[in-house]
Amino acid sequence: MRWDAAAHRLIDIVGAVACLLVLVVPMLAVGLIIRLSSSGPALFRQQRVGRDRSTFTFYKFRTMRCDGADTAHRMLIERELAGESVEVDGSFKLSGDTRITRVGHWLRKSSIDELPQLFNVLSGQMSLVGPRPCLLWEADLFPPAFQARFSVRPGITGLWQVSGRSRLGTLEMLMLDVEYVRRRGVVHDLKILLMTIPSMLRGGGAR
């Protein structure tokens, strides 16, 4: 178990450093495009829930207007977890979200908005592979049966991302999180990382 944890951390560090060395110039260009296309910072910072339900500052490229409220998104998740059908056009994400900028739509579709999380990986708050880091109020809504998802570091990619993303509902995402924790291992993580590349190129169900 100790070897497995050390191997996971080594993969995270080597992978994050390699990605940042290759992507630093494109990331700077993306940040400039965001600043020029809409008012506000290039980076979006938010408190998320990590391993053992600890909180940390999560980074991604900003894809929304700064004055947008998350009330509609919160209501959508509450309705879904209460058993109500919220699927629209094959997606469980908020339909017609006016908070998202034009550049933001492209960043989400390509998953480029996730790249700043490489710094979260280097700091040990996240892993390259794992459950998605959820919001504090989302963690409070998740049923007790899915608490195992908080026993590992959250990841930039994971089973949810390579299985359909917004085409899957929250409960399906949570079931995939628990399955990931059950099957977690170095080989399994490497398979997910390899599956992530074609998923990103296809758009992977992102909205």
N, C-alpha and C. Protein backbone atom coordinates (compact mmCIF):
# COMPACT_ATOMS: atom_id res chain seq x y z
N MET A 1 0.83 -1.21 0.00
CA MET A 1 0.00 0.00 0.00
C MET A 1 0.86 1.26 0.00
N ARG A 2 1.95 1.22 0.81
CA ARG A 2 2.84 2.37 0.86
C ARG A 2 3.53 2.57 -0.48
N TRP A 3 3.94 1.46 -1.13
CA TRP A 3 4.55 1.55 -2.46
C TRP A 3 3.56 2.13 -3.46
N ASP A 4 2.31 1.68 -3.39
CA ASP A 4 1.28 2.14 -4.34
C ASP A 4 1.07 3.65 -4.19
N ALA A 5 1.01 4.14 -2.96
CA ALA A 5 0.82 5.58 -2.73
C ALA A 5 2.01 6.37 -3.26
N ALA A 6 3.23 5.85 -3.05
CA ALA A 6 4.43 6.53 -3.54
C ALA A 6 4.45 6.56 -5.07
N ALA A 7 4.03 5.45 -5.69
CA ALA A 7 4.01 5.38 -7.15
C ALA A 7 2.99 6.35 -7.72
N HIS A 8 1.82 6.46 -7.08
CA HIS A 8 0.80 7.41 -7.52
C HIS A 8 1.34 8.84 -7.46
N ARG A 9 2.00 9.14 -6.36
CA ARG A 9 2.51 10.51 -6.19
C ARG A 9 3.61 10.81 -7.20
N LEU A 10 4.47 9.82 -7.48
CA LEU A 10 5.54 10.02 -8.45
C LEU A 10 4.96 10.28 -9.84
N ILE A 11 3.93 9.52 -10.23
CA ILE A 11 3.27 9.72 -11.52
C ILE A 11 2.66 11.11 -11.59
N ASP A 12 2.04 11.53 -10.49
CA ASP A 12 1.43 12.87 -10.45
C ASP A 12 2.47 13.96 -10.68
N ILE A 13 3.59 13.88 -9.96
CA ILE A 13 4.60 14.92 -10.05
C ILE A 13 5.25 14.95 -11.44
N VAL A 14 5.67 13.78 -11.91
CA VAL A 14 6.32 13.71 -13.22
C VAL A 14 5.35 14.15 -14.32
N GLY A 15 4.11 13.67 -14.25
CA GLY A 15 3.13 14.03 -15.27
C GLY A 15 2.80 15.51 -15.27
N ALA A 16 2.60 16.09 -14.08
CA ALA A 16 2.26 17.51 -13.99
C ALA A 16 3.40 18.39 -14.48
N VAL A 17 4.64 18.06 -14.07
CA VAL A 17 5.79 18.86 -14.50
C VAL A 17 5.97 18.77 -16.01
N ALA A 18 5.83 17.57 -16.57
CA ALA A 18 5.99 17.39 -18.01
C ALA A 18 4.94 18.18 -18.78
N CYS A 19 3.70 18.12 -18.31
CA CYS A 19 2.62 18.86 -18.98
C CYS A 19 2.85 20.36 -18.92
N LEU A 20 3.28 20.86 -17.76
CA LEU A 20 3.50 22.30 -17.61
C LEU A 20 4.65 22.78 -18.48
N LEU A 21 5.70 21.98 -18.61
CA LEU A 21 6.82 22.36 -19.46
C LEU A 21 6.40 22.48 -20.92
N VAL A 22 5.53 21.59 -21.34
CA VAL A 22 5.06 21.60 -22.73
C VAL A 22 4.00 22.67 -22.97
N LEU A 23 3.17 22.92 -21.96
CA LEU A 23 1.97 23.74 -22.15
C LEU A 23 2.07 25.15 -21.59
N VAL A 24 3.20 25.53 -21.01
CA VAL A 24 3.28 26.82 -20.35
C VAL A 24 3.00 27.97 -21.31
N VAL A 25 3.54 27.94 -22.52
CA VAL A 25 3.30 29.03 -23.47
C VAL A 25 1.84 29.04 -23.94
N PRO A 26 1.26 27.90 -24.35
CA PRO A 26 -0.17 27.91 -24.71
C PRO A 26 -1.06 28.36 -23.54
N MET A 27 -0.71 28.00 -22.32
CA MET A 27 -1.52 28.41 -21.17
C MET A 27 -1.47 29.93 -20.98
N LEU A 28 -0.28 30.52 -21.19
CA LEU A 28 -0.17 31.97 -21.09
C LEU A 28 -1.00 32.65 -22.18
N ALA A 29 -1.02 32.04 -23.38
CA ALA A 29 -1.82 32.59 -24.48
C ALA A 29 -3.31 32.51 -24.16
N VAL A 30 -3.74 31.39 -23.58
CA VAL A 30 -5.15 31.23 -23.20
C VAL A 30 -5.53 32.28 -22.15
N GLY A 31 -4.65 32.48 -21.18
CA GLY A 31 -4.92 33.49 -20.15
C GLY A 31 -5.09 34.87 -20.75
N LEU A 32 -4.26 35.20 -21.73
CA LEU A 32 -4.36 36.51 -22.39
C LEU A 32 -5.67 36.63 -23.16
N ILE A 33 -6.06 35.58 -23.86
CA ILE A 33 -7.32 35.60 -24.61
C ILE A 33 -8.51 35.82 -23.68
N ILE A 34 -8.49 35.16 -22.54
CA ILE A 34 -9.59 35.33 -21.58
C ILE A 34 -9.66 36.77 -21.08
N ARG A 35 -8.51 37.34 -20.75
CA ARG A 35 -8.47 38.72 -20.25
C ARG A 35 -8.96 39.71 -21.30
N LEU A 36 -8.62 39.46 -22.57
CA LEU A 36 -9.00 40.39 -23.63
C LEU A 36 -10.46 40.23 -24.06
N SER A 37 -11.03 39.04 -23.85
CA SER A 37 -12.37 38.77 -24.36
C SER A 37 -13.49 39.08 -23.37
N SER A 38 -13.17 39.17 -22.09
CA SER A 38 -14.21 39.48 -21.09
C SER A 38 -13.54 40.06 -19.86
N SER A 39 -14.29 40.84 -19.11
CA SER A 39 -13.73 41.48 -17.92
C SER A 39 -13.57 40.48 -16.79
N GLY A 40 -12.45 40.57 -16.11
CA GLY A 40 -12.20 39.67 -15.00
C GLY A 40 -10.86 38.97 -15.14
N PRO A 41 -10.45 38.25 -14.11
CA PRO A 41 -9.16 37.56 -14.13
C PRO A 41 -9.17 36.36 -15.07
N ALA A 42 -8.00 35.91 -15.47
CA ALA A 42 -7.90 34.73 -16.33
C ALA A 42 -8.14 33.45 -15.54
N LEU A 43 -7.71 33.44 -14.28
CA LEU A 43 -7.86 32.26 -13.45
C LEU A 43 -9.10 32.37 -12.56
N PHE A 44 -9.78 31.25 -12.41
CA PHE A 44 -10.93 31.15 -11.52
C PHE A 44 -10.49 30.36 -10.30
N ARG A 45 -10.73 30.89 -9.12
CA ARG A 45 -10.37 30.24 -7.86
C ARG A 45 -11.63 29.95 -7.06
N GLN A 46 -11.70 28.76 -6.48
CA GLN A 46 -12.89 28.36 -5.75
C GLN A 46 -12.53 27.32 -4.71
N GLN A 47 -13.23 27.31 -3.58
CA GLN A 47 -13.01 26.30 -2.56
C GLN A 47 -13.70 25.00 -2.96
N ARG A 48 -12.95 23.92 -2.97
CA ARG A 48 -13.49 22.60 -3.30
C ARG A 48 -13.16 21.61 -2.18
N VAL A 49 -13.82 20.46 -2.22
CA VAL A 49 -13.63 19.43 -1.19
C VAL A 49 -12.67 18.37 -1.73
N GLY A 50 -11.63 18.08 -0.95
CA GLY A 50 -10.64 17.10 -1.36
C GLY A 50 -10.68 15.84 -0.52
N ARG A 51 -9.52 15.20 -0.42
CA ARG A 51 -9.43 13.94 0.33
C ARG A 51 -9.75 14.17 1.80
N ASP A 52 -10.47 13.23 2.38
CA ASP A 52 -10.91 13.31 3.79
C ASP A 52 -11.75 14.55 4.05
N ARG A 53 -12.42 15.04 2.98
CA ARG A 53 -13.32 16.18 3.04
C ARG A 53 -12.62 17.48 3.47
N SER A 54 -11.30 17.53 3.29
CA SER A 54 -10.59 18.78 3.54
C SER A 54 -10.85 19.72 2.38
N THR A 55 -10.76 21.02 2.60
CA THR A 55 -11.01 22.00 1.55
C THR A 55 -9.69 22.58 1.03
N PHE A 56 -9.71 22.98 -0.21
CA PHE A 56 -8.53 23.59 -0.82
C PHE A 56 -8.97 24.55 -1.91
N THR A 57 -8.05 25.43 -2.33
CA THR A 57 -8.33 26.38 -3.39
C THR A 57 -8.06 25.72 -4.74
N PHE A 58 -9.10 25.64 -5.53
CA PHE A 58 -9.10 24.94 -6.82
C PHE A 58 -8.92 25.97 -7.94
N TYR A 59 -8.09 25.64 -8.94
CA TYR A 59 -7.81 26.57 -10.03
C TYR A 59 -8.32 26.03 -11.37
N LYS A 60 -8.83 26.91 -12.18
CA LYS A 60 -9.10 26.59 -13.58
C LYS A 60 -9.18 27.91 -14.35
N PHE A 61 -9.12 27.83 -15.67
CA PHE A 61 -9.29 29.05 -16.44
C PHE A 61 -10.75 29.49 -16.34
N ARG A 62 -10.95 30.80 -16.21
CA ARG A 62 -12.31 31.33 -16.06
C ARG A 62 -13.09 31.16 -17.36
N THR A 63 -14.27 30.57 -17.25
CA THR A 63 -15.13 30.34 -18.41
C THR A 63 -16.47 31.07 -18.28
N MET A 64 -16.67 31.77 -17.16
CA MET A 64 -17.94 32.44 -16.90
C MET A 64 -17.75 33.92 -16.62
N ARG A 65 -18.84 34.66 -16.76
CA ARG A 65 -18.84 36.05 -16.34
C ARG A 65 -18.66 36.12 -14.82
N CYS A 66 -18.00 37.15 -14.37
CA CYS A 66 -17.70 37.26 -12.94
C CYS A 66 -18.94 37.53 -12.08
N ASP A 67 -20.00 38.07 -12.69
CA ASP A 67 -21.19 38.43 -11.91
C ASP A 67 -22.25 37.32 -11.91
N GLY A 68 -21.90 36.13 -12.40
CA GLY A 68 -22.89 35.04 -12.48
C GLY A 68 -23.11 34.37 -11.13
N ALA A 69 -24.35 34.03 -10.82
CA ALA A 69 -24.70 33.32 -9.58
C ALA A 69 -24.92 31.84 -9.90
N ASP A 70 -24.68 30.96 -8.90
CA ASP A 70 -24.82 29.53 -9.14
C ASP A 70 -26.15 28.96 -8.65
N THR A 71 -27.13 29.83 -8.44
CA THR A 71 -28.42 29.40 -7.90
C THR A 71 -29.08 28.34 -8.77
N ALA A 72 -29.09 28.57 -10.09
CA ALA A 72 -29.74 27.62 -11.00
C ALA A 72 -29.02 26.27 -10.99
N HIS A 73 -27.70 26.29 -10.94
CA HIS A 73 -26.93 25.05 -10.90
C HIS A 73 -27.21 24.27 -9.62
N ARG A 74 -27.28 24.99 -8.51
CA ARG A 74 -27.56 24.34 -7.23
C ARG A 74 -28.94 23.69 -7.22
N MET A 75 -29.91 24.40 -7.76
CA MET A 75 -31.27 23.85 -7.83
C MET A 75 -31.32 22.61 -8.71
N LEU A 76 -30.54 22.62 -9.81
CA LEU A 76 -30.51 21.48 -10.72
C LEU A 76 -30.00 20.23 -10.00
N ILE A 77 -28.90 20.36 -9.26
CA ILE A 77 -28.33 19.23 -8.53
C ILE A 77 -29.30 18.74 -7.45
N GLU A 78 -29.94 19.67 -6.74
CA GLU A 78 -30.89 19.29 -5.69
C GLU A 78 -32.06 18.52 -6.28
N ARG A 79 -32.57 18.98 -7.43
CA ARG A 79 -33.68 18.29 -8.09
C ARG A 79 -33.27 16.89 -8.53
N GLU A 80 -32.06 16.78 -9.09
CA GLU A 80 -31.60 15.49 -9.57
C GLU A 80 -31.43 14.49 -8.44
N LEU A 81 -30.79 14.92 -7.34
CA LEU A 81 -30.57 14.02 -6.21
C LEU A 81 -31.86 13.68 -5.49
N ALA A 82 -32.90 14.49 -5.71
CA ALA A 82 -34.21 14.19 -5.15
C ALA A 82 -35.00 13.21 -6.02
N GLY A 83 -34.40 12.81 -7.15
CA GLY A 83 -35.03 11.83 -8.01
C GLY A 83 -35.74 12.37 -9.22
N GLU A 84 -35.67 13.70 -9.44
CA GLU A 84 -36.35 14.32 -10.58
C GLU A 84 -35.49 14.21 -11.83
N SER A 85 -36.10 13.98 -12.98
CA SER A 85 -35.37 13.92 -14.24
C SER A 85 -35.01 15.33 -14.70
N VAL A 86 -33.73 15.57 -14.94
CA VAL A 86 -33.26 16.90 -15.35
C VAL A 86 -32.52 16.84 -16.69
N GLU A 87 -32.58 15.71 -17.36
CA GLU A 87 -31.86 15.55 -18.63
C GLU A 87 -32.48 16.42 -19.72
N VAL A 88 -31.63 17.16 -20.45
CA VAL A 88 -32.08 18.00 -21.56
C VAL A 88 -31.14 17.75 -22.74
N ASP A 89 -31.70 17.28 -23.87
CA ASP A 89 -30.91 17.02 -25.07
C ASP A 89 -29.73 16.11 -24.81
N GLY A 90 -29.95 15.09 -23.98
CA GLY A 90 -28.90 14.12 -23.70
C GLY A 90 -27.85 14.56 -22.71
N SER A 91 -28.04 15.71 -22.08
CA SER A 91 -27.07 16.24 -21.13
C SER A 91 -27.73 16.50 -19.78
N PHE A 92 -26.94 16.29 -18.71
CA PHE A 92 -27.42 16.56 -17.36
C PHE A 92 -26.86 17.89 -16.82
N LYS A 93 -26.12 18.60 -17.66
CA LYS A 93 -25.61 19.91 -17.26
C LYS A 93 -26.71 20.96 -17.43
N LEU A 94 -26.50 22.11 -16.82
CA LEU A 94 -27.45 23.21 -16.91
C LEU A 94 -27.57 23.66 -18.35
N SER A 95 -28.78 23.62 -18.89
CA SER A 95 -29.01 23.96 -20.29
C SER A 95 -29.09 25.48 -20.47
N GLY A 96 -28.41 25.98 -21.53
CA GLY A 96 -28.47 27.41 -21.84
C GLY A 96 -27.92 28.29 -20.74
N ASP A 97 -26.82 27.87 -20.14
CA ASP A 97 -26.22 28.63 -19.04
C ASP A 97 -25.64 29.94 -19.59
N THR A 98 -26.30 31.04 -19.29
CA THR A 98 -25.89 32.34 -19.82
C THR A 98 -24.65 32.91 -19.13
N ARG A 99 -24.19 32.26 -18.07
CA ARG A 99 -22.98 32.72 -17.39
C ARG A 99 -21.73 32.44 -18.19
N ILE A 100 -21.78 31.45 -19.09
CA ILE A 100 -20.59 31.02 -19.81
C ILE A 100 -20.28 31.98 -20.96
N THR A 101 -19.03 32.40 -21.06
CA THR A 101 -18.61 33.31 -22.12
C THR A 101 -18.41 32.54 -23.43
N ARG A 102 -18.25 33.28 -24.53
CA ARG A 102 -18.02 32.62 -25.83
C ARG A 102 -16.71 31.83 -25.80
N VAL A 103 -15.66 32.43 -25.28
CA VAL A 103 -14.39 31.72 -25.14
C VAL A 103 -14.54 30.56 -24.17
N GLY A 104 -15.34 30.76 -23.13
CA GLY A 104 -15.56 29.73 -22.13
C GLY A 104 -16.16 28.45 -22.70
N HIS A 105 -17.07 28.59 -23.66
CA HIS A 105 -17.67 27.41 -24.30
C HIS A 105 -16.58 26.56 -24.97
N TRP A 106 -15.67 27.22 -25.66
CA TRP A 106 -14.59 26.50 -26.34
C TRP A 106 -13.63 25.88 -25.33
N LEU A 107 -13.31 26.61 -24.26
CA LEU A 107 -12.41 26.08 -23.25
C LEU A 107 -12.99 24.83 -22.59
N ARG A 108 -14.29 24.85 -22.32
CA ARG A 108 -14.93 23.69 -21.70
C ARG A 108 -15.00 22.50 -22.66
N LYS A 109 -15.34 22.79 -23.89
CA LYS A 109 -15.47 21.72 -24.89
C LYS A 109 -14.14 21.00 -25.08
N SER A 110 -13.05 21.74 -25.05
CA SER A 110 -11.72 21.17 -25.26
C SER A 110 -11.05 20.71 -23.96
N SER A 111 -11.65 21.04 -22.82
CA SER A 111 -11.12 20.74 -21.48
C SER A 111 -9.86 21.54 -21.16
N ILE A 112 -9.55 22.55 -21.97
CA ILE A 112 -8.39 23.39 -21.70
C ILE A 112 -8.56 24.16 -20.40
N ASP A 113 -9.80 24.43 -20.02
CA ASP A 113 -10.04 25.17 -18.77
C ASP A 113 -9.51 24.44 -17.54
N GLU A 114 -9.27 23.13 -17.65
CA GLU A 114 -8.83 22.34 -16.51
C GLU A 114 -7.31 22.41 -16.28
N LEU A 115 -6.56 22.91 -17.24
CA LEU A 115 -5.10 22.83 -17.17
C LEU A 115 -4.48 23.47 -15.92
N PRO A 116 -4.98 24.59 -15.40
CA PRO A 116 -4.37 25.15 -14.19
C PRO A 116 -4.41 24.22 -12.98
N GLN A 117 -5.23 23.17 -13.03
CA GLN A 117 -5.27 22.22 -11.92
C GLN A 117 -3.98 21.42 -11.81
N LEU A 118 -3.13 21.52 -12.82
CA LEU A 118 -1.80 20.89 -12.71
C LEU A 118 -1.03 21.45 -11.52
N PHE A 119 -1.28 22.71 -11.18
CA PHE A 119 -0.64 23.29 -10.00
C PHE A 119 -1.23 22.70 -8.72
N ASN A 120 -2.52 22.37 -8.73
CA ASN A 120 -3.13 21.67 -7.59
C ASN A 120 -2.51 20.29 -7.41
N VAL A 121 -2.18 19.64 -8.54
CA VAL A 121 -1.55 18.33 -8.47
C VAL A 121 -0.15 18.44 -7.86
N LEU A 122 0.62 19.42 -8.31
CA LEU A 122 1.97 19.60 -7.78
C LEU A 122 1.96 19.87 -6.27
N SER A 123 0.95 20.59 -5.81
CA SER A 123 0.87 20.93 -4.39
C SER A 123 0.36 19.77 -3.54
N GLY A 124 -0.09 18.69 -4.18
CA GLY A 124 -0.57 17.53 -3.44
C GLY A 124 -2.04 17.58 -3.07
N GLN A 125 -2.74 18.62 -3.51
CA GLN A 125 -4.17 18.74 -3.22
C GLN A 125 -5.03 17.86 -4.13
N MET A 126 -4.51 17.61 -5.35
CA MET A 126 -5.21 16.81 -6.33
C MET A 126 -4.26 15.78 -6.92
N SER A 127 -4.84 14.86 -7.68
CA SER A 127 -4.08 13.86 -8.41
C SER A 127 -4.42 14.01 -9.89
N LEU A 128 -3.63 13.41 -10.77
CA LEU A 128 -3.98 13.43 -12.19
C LEU A 128 -5.28 12.68 -12.42
N VAL A 129 -5.49 11.59 -11.66
CA VAL A 129 -6.68 10.75 -11.82
C VAL A 129 -7.39 10.61 -10.48
N GLY A 130 -8.71 10.77 -10.50
CA GLY A 130 -9.49 10.62 -9.27
C GLY A 130 -10.89 11.19 -9.45
N PRO A 131 -11.71 11.16 -8.43
CA PRO A 131 -13.04 11.78 -8.51
C PRO A 131 -12.92 13.28 -8.72
N ARG A 132 -13.91 13.88 -9.35
CA ARG A 132 -13.88 15.33 -9.53
C ARG A 132 -14.02 16.02 -8.18
N PRO A 133 -13.25 17.10 -7.93
CA PRO A 133 -13.39 17.84 -6.67
C PRO A 133 -14.70 18.61 -6.66
N CYS A 134 -15.56 18.30 -5.73
CA CYS A 134 -16.89 18.91 -5.72
C CYS A 134 -16.92 20.16 -4.86
N LEU A 135 -18.00 20.91 -5.01
CA LEU A 135 -18.23 22.10 -4.20
C LEU A 135 -18.65 21.69 -2.79
N LEU A 136 -18.51 22.62 -1.84
CA LEU A 136 -18.82 22.29 -0.45
C LEU A 136 -20.28 21.92 -0.27
N TRP A 137 -21.18 22.66 -0.92
CA TRP A 137 -22.60 22.36 -0.76
C TRP A 137 -22.99 21.07 -1.48
N GLU A 138 -22.25 20.72 -2.56
CA GLU A 138 -22.51 19.45 -3.23
C GLU A 138 -22.14 18.29 -2.32
N ALA A 139 -21.00 18.39 -1.63
CA ALA A 139 -20.58 17.33 -0.72
C ALA A 139 -21.62 17.06 0.35
N ASP A 140 -22.28 18.11 0.82
CA ASP A 140 -23.32 17.96 1.85
C ASP A 140 -24.57 17.27 1.31
N LEU A 141 -24.79 17.36 -0.03
CA LEU A 141 -25.96 16.75 -0.64
C LEU A 141 -25.75 15.28 -1.01
N PHE A 142 -24.50 14.85 -1.17
CA PHE A 142 -24.23 13.49 -1.62
C PHE A 142 -24.69 12.47 -0.58
N PRO A 143 -25.40 11.43 -1.01
CA PRO A 143 -25.86 10.40 -0.06
C PRO A 143 -24.69 9.70 0.63
N PRO A 144 -24.89 9.21 1.86
CA PRO A 144 -23.82 8.56 2.63
C PRO A 144 -23.18 7.38 1.91
N ALA A 145 -23.92 6.71 1.02
CA ALA A 145 -23.40 5.54 0.32
C ALA A 145 -22.19 5.87 -0.56
N PHE A 146 -21.99 7.15 -0.86
CA PHE A 146 -20.92 7.54 -1.78
C PHE A 146 -19.77 8.26 -1.09
N GLN A 147 -19.69 8.18 0.21
CA GLN A 147 -18.65 8.91 0.94
C GLN A 147 -17.25 8.37 0.67
N ALA A 148 -17.14 7.16 0.12
CA ALA A 148 -15.82 6.59 -0.18
C ALA A 148 -15.07 7.44 -1.20
N ARG A 149 -15.79 8.24 -1.98
CA ARG A 149 -15.13 9.09 -2.98
C ARG A 149 -14.19 10.10 -2.33
N PHE A 150 -14.39 10.38 -1.05
CA PHE A 150 -13.55 11.35 -0.36
C PHE A 150 -12.32 10.70 0.30
N SER A 151 -12.12 9.39 0.06
CA SER A 151 -10.99 8.71 0.68
C SER A 151 -9.71 8.83 -0.15
N VAL A 152 -9.81 9.40 -1.35
CA VAL A 152 -8.64 9.60 -2.22
C VAL A 152 -8.60 11.05 -2.69
N ARG A 153 -7.46 11.45 -3.22
CA ARG A 153 -7.36 12.80 -3.77
C ARG A 153 -8.27 12.94 -4.99
N PRO A 154 -8.92 14.07 -5.15
CA PRO A 154 -9.69 14.30 -6.38
C PRO A 154 -8.75 14.44 -7.56
N GLY A 155 -9.27 14.22 -8.77
CA GLY A 155 -8.40 14.22 -9.94
C GLY A 155 -8.83 15.18 -11.04
N ILE A 156 -7.89 15.48 -11.92
CA ILE A 156 -8.19 16.29 -13.10
C ILE A 156 -9.06 15.48 -14.06
N THR A 157 -8.74 14.20 -14.19
CA THR A 157 -9.54 13.30 -15.01
C THR A 157 -9.91 12.08 -14.18
N GLY A 158 -10.83 11.26 -14.71
CA GLY A 158 -11.27 10.09 -13.98
C GLY A 158 -12.27 9.30 -14.81
N LEU A 159 -12.89 8.31 -14.18
CA LEU A 159 -13.85 7.47 -14.89
C LEU A 159 -15.00 8.29 -15.45
N TRP A 160 -15.44 9.32 -14.73
CA TRP A 160 -16.56 10.14 -15.21
C TRP A 160 -16.20 10.83 -16.52
N GLN A 161 -15.00 11.40 -16.59
CA GLN A 161 -14.59 12.14 -17.78
C GLN A 161 -14.48 11.25 -19.01
N VAL A 162 -14.02 10.02 -18.84
CA VAL A 162 -13.84 9.13 -19.99
C VAL A 162 -15.08 8.28 -20.26
N SER A 163 -16.13 8.48 -19.47
CA SER A 163 -17.36 7.69 -19.63
C SER A 163 -18.54 8.50 -20.14
N GLY A 164 -18.36 9.81 -20.34
CA GLY A 164 -19.47 10.58 -20.89
C GLY A 164 -19.65 11.98 -20.35
N ARG A 165 -19.03 12.31 -19.23
CA ARG A 165 -19.11 13.65 -18.64
C ARG A 165 -20.54 14.14 -18.51
N SER A 166 -20.91 15.19 -19.23
CA SER A 166 -22.24 15.79 -19.03
C SER A 166 -23.38 14.90 -19.50
N ARG A 167 -23.06 13.81 -20.21
CA ARG A 167 -24.11 12.88 -20.61
C ARG A 167 -24.51 11.96 -19.46
N LEU A 168 -23.77 12.04 -18.35
CA LEU A 168 -24.06 11.23 -17.18
C LEU A 168 -24.60 12.11 -16.07
N GLY A 169 -25.57 11.57 -15.32
CA GLY A 169 -26.14 12.31 -14.20
C GLY A 169 -25.23 12.25 -12.98
N THR A 170 -25.60 13.03 -11.97
CA THR A 170 -24.79 13.10 -10.75
C THR A 170 -24.68 11.75 -10.05
N LEU A 171 -25.77 11.01 -9.96
CA LEU A 171 -25.73 9.71 -9.30
C LEU A 171 -24.84 8.73 -10.06
N GLU A 172 -24.89 8.80 -11.40
CA GLU A 172 -24.00 7.95 -12.20
C GLU A 172 -22.55 8.34 -11.97
N MET A 173 -22.29 9.64 -11.86
CA MET A 173 -20.94 10.11 -11.58
C MET A 173 -20.46 9.58 -10.23
N LEU A 174 -21.33 9.64 -9.23
CA LEU A 174 -20.96 9.18 -7.89
C LEU A 174 -20.69 7.68 -7.88
N MET A 175 -21.48 6.91 -8.63
CA MET A 175 -21.24 5.47 -8.71
C MET A 175 -19.90 5.17 -9.37
N LEU A 176 -19.55 5.96 -10.40
CA LEU A 176 -18.25 5.79 -11.04
C LEU A 176 -17.12 6.17 -10.09
N ASP A 177 -17.34 7.18 -9.25
CA ASP A 177 -16.33 7.57 -8.26
C ASP A 177 -16.04 6.41 -7.30
N VAL A 178 -17.10 5.78 -6.81
CA VAL A 178 -16.94 4.66 -5.87
C VAL A 178 -16.28 3.47 -6.57
N GLU A 179 -16.66 3.23 -7.83
CA GLU A 179 -16.02 2.16 -8.59
C GLU A 179 -14.53 2.43 -8.77
N TYR A 180 -14.19 3.71 -9.03
CA TYR A 180 -12.79 4.06 -9.18
C TYR A 180 -12.02 3.77 -7.89
N VAL A 181 -12.56 4.16 -6.76
CA VAL A 181 -11.89 3.93 -5.48
C VAL A 181 -11.68 2.43 -5.26
N ARG A 182 -12.68 1.63 -5.63
CA ARG A 182 -12.59 0.18 -5.45
C ARG A 182 -11.51 -0.44 -6.33
N ARG A 183 -11.35 0.05 -7.56
CA ARG A 183 -10.43 -0.53 -8.52
C ARG A 183 -9.10 0.22 -8.59
N ARG A 184 -8.92 1.23 -7.78
CA ARG A 184 -7.78 2.13 -7.89
C ARG A 184 -6.45 1.40 -7.84
N GLY A 185 -5.58 1.78 -8.76
CA GLY A 185 -4.23 1.23 -8.82
C GLY A 185 -3.45 1.96 -9.90
N VAL A 186 -2.14 1.78 -9.92
CA VAL A 186 -1.29 2.50 -10.87
C VAL A 186 -1.67 2.15 -12.30
N VAL A 187 -1.86 0.87 -12.59
CA VAL A 187 -2.20 0.45 -13.96
C VAL A 187 -3.55 1.00 -14.37
N HIS A 188 -4.51 0.97 -13.46
CA HIS A 188 -5.85 1.50 -13.75
C HIS A 188 -5.78 3.00 -14.04
N ASP A 189 -4.99 3.73 -13.25
CA ASP A 189 -4.84 5.18 -13.48
C ASP A 189 -4.20 5.46 -14.84
N LEU A 190 -3.20 4.69 -15.21
CA LEU A 190 -2.53 4.90 -16.50
C LEU A 190 -3.50 4.65 -17.65
N LYS A 191 -4.37 3.65 -17.51
CA LYS A 191 -5.38 3.38 -18.54
C LYS A 191 -6.33 4.57 -18.69
N ILE A 192 -6.75 5.14 -17.56
CA ILE A 192 -7.66 6.30 -17.61
C ILE A 192 -6.98 7.49 -18.26
N LEU A 193 -5.69 7.70 -17.93
CA LEU A 193 -4.95 8.80 -18.55
C LEU A 193 -4.87 8.63 -20.06
N LEU A 194 -4.65 7.41 -20.52
CA LEU A 194 -4.58 7.16 -21.96
C LEU A 194 -5.94 7.35 -22.62
N MET A 195 -7.01 7.00 -21.92
CA MET A 195 -8.36 7.17 -22.45
C MET A 195 -8.78 8.63 -22.47
N THR A 196 -8.15 9.45 -21.64
CA THR A 196 -8.52 10.87 -21.54
C THR A 196 -8.20 11.63 -22.82
N ILE A 197 -7.09 11.27 -23.47
CA ILE A 197 -6.66 12.00 -24.66
C ILE A 197 -7.69 11.93 -25.78
N PRO A 198 -8.14 10.74 -26.21
CA PRO A 198 -9.18 10.72 -27.26
C PRO A 198 -10.49 11.32 -26.80
N SER A 199 -10.79 11.21 -25.50
CA SER A 199 -12.02 11.81 -24.98
C SER A 199 -11.99 13.33 -25.12
N MET A 200 -10.83 13.94 -24.85
CA MET A 200 -10.68 15.38 -25.02
C MET A 200 -10.80 15.78 -26.48
N LEU A 201 -10.19 15.00 -27.36
CA LEU A 201 -10.24 15.33 -28.79
C LEU A 201 -11.65 15.24 -29.35
N ARG A 202 -12.47 14.34 -28.78
CA ARG A 202 -13.86 14.20 -29.23
C ARG A 202 -14.77 15.25 -28.61
N GLY A 203 -14.29 15.94 -27.59
CA GLY A 203 -15.17 16.83 -26.85
C GLY A 203 -15.70 16.16 -25.61
N GLY A 204 -15.70 14.83 -25.61
CA GLY A 204 -15.96 14.02 -24.42
C GLY A 204 -17.27 14.29 -23.71
N GLY A 205 -18.27 14.85 -24.35
CA GLY A 205 -19.53 15.09 -23.66
C GLY A 205 -19.55 16.34 -22.84
N ALA A 206 -18.52 17.19 -22.99
CA ALA A 206 -18.46 18.44 -22.20
C ALA A 206 -19.49 19.43 -22.70
N ARG A 207 -19.95 20.28 -21.78
CA ARG A 207 -20.87 21.37 -22.16
C ARG A 207 -20.45 22.61 -21.40
